[in-house]
Protein backbone atom coordinates (compact mmCIF):
# COMPACT_ATOMS: atom_id res chain seq x y z
CA MET A 1 9.79 12.37 -4.39
CA ARG A 2 7.76 15.45 -4.61
CA ASP A 3 5.46 14.29 -7.34
CA LEU A 4 4.99 11.16 -5.57
CA GLY A 5 3.72 12.99 -2.42
CA ARG A 6 1.49 15.20 -4.44
CA MET A 7 -0.03 12.15 -6.04
CA LEU A 8 -0.50 10.24 -2.86
CA GLY A 9 -2.22 13.62 -1.42
CA VAL A 10 -4.73 13.94 -4.49
CA LEU A 11 -5.48 10.21 -4.27
CA GLY A 12 -6.17 10.41 -0.63
CA GLY A 13 -8.43 13.42 -1.07
CA VAL A 14 -10.17 11.47 -3.85
CA ILE A 15 -10.83 8.45 -1.62
CA ILE A 16 -12.35 10.64 1.17
CA ILE A 17 -14.57 12.50 -1.28
CA VAL A 18 -15.69 9.14 -2.75
CA GLY A 19 -16.19 7.58 0.87
CA ILE A 20 -18.14 10.55 2.05
CA ALA A 21 -20.38 10.41 -1.08
CA LEU A 22 -21.11 6.65 -0.72
CA TRP A 23 -21.60 6.88 3.05
CA THR A 24 -24.08 9.75 2.51
CA GLY A 25 -25.98 7.23 0.04
CA LEU A 26 -25.38 9.28 -2.97
CA GLY A 27 -24.16 6.32 -5.21
CA ALA A 28 -26.77 3.81 -3.61
CA GLY A 29 -29.13 4.22 -6.63
CA TRP A 30 -26.82 3.33 -9.46
CA LEU A 31 -23.70 2.08 -8.04
CA GLY A 32 -23.56 -1.65 -8.76
CA ARG A 33 -26.66 -1.86 -10.48
CA LEU A 34 -25.90 -1.00 -13.87
CA ALA A 35 -27.09 -3.02 -17.02
CA GLY A 36 -24.23 -5.54 -17.43
CA ASP A 37 -23.56 -6.31 -13.91
CA ILE A 38 -23.66 -10.00 -13.22
CA ARG A 39 -26.21 -11.35 -10.82
CA ILE A 40 -27.29 -15.07 -10.31
CA GLU A 41 -29.57 -16.13 -7.62
CA ARG A 42 -30.75 -19.63 -7.17
CA GLY A 43 -32.10 -21.07 -4.14
CA ASN A 44 -30.42 -19.78 -0.97
CA SER A 45 -27.28 -18.62 -2.63
CA ALA A 46 -26.45 -15.59 -4.87
CA PHE A 47 -23.54 -14.62 -6.95
CA TYR A 48 -22.93 -11.04 -7.74
CA PHE A 49 -20.17 -9.34 -9.98
CA PRO A 50 -20.53 -5.73 -11.02
CA ILE A 51 -18.49 -5.90 -13.99
CA VAL A 52 -19.87 -2.64 -15.59
CA THR A 53 -19.54 -0.81 -12.56
CA CYS A 54 -15.84 -1.73 -12.23
CA ILE A 55 -15.37 -0.74 -15.86
CA ILE A 56 -17.01 2.73 -15.42
CA ILE A 57 -15.01 3.28 -12.13
CA SER A 58 -11.64 2.04 -14.07
CA ILE A 59 -12.34 4.67 -16.84
CA MET A 60 -13.08 7.45 -14.33
CA LEU A 61 -9.86 6.93 -12.42
CA THR A 62 -7.95 6.62 -15.61
CA LEU A 63 -9.04 10.01 -16.73
CA LEU A 64 -8.40 11.57 -13.49
CA MET A 65 -4.95 10.17 -13.31
CA SER A 66 -4.22 11.15 -16.82
CA ILE A 67 -5.38 14.91 -15.89
CA PHE A 68 -3.07 15.13 -12.91
CA ARG A 69 -0.17 13.44 -14.41
CA ARG A 70 0.29 16.37 -16.89
């Protein structure tokens, strides 16, 4: 149970730090606008799926979790 509490505390801290960074506009320049993100605009409708951004975030979270798991 102690490990679960530590993991939840670290995850909460990371979420707070990322939230503050995004709130201040730190990630506004590149986040969601990477090469490979899908954007289709036709007429008055638009479809946007940030696939590369999701992959990069997933890789960063996997590395972070593997560091704390040891």
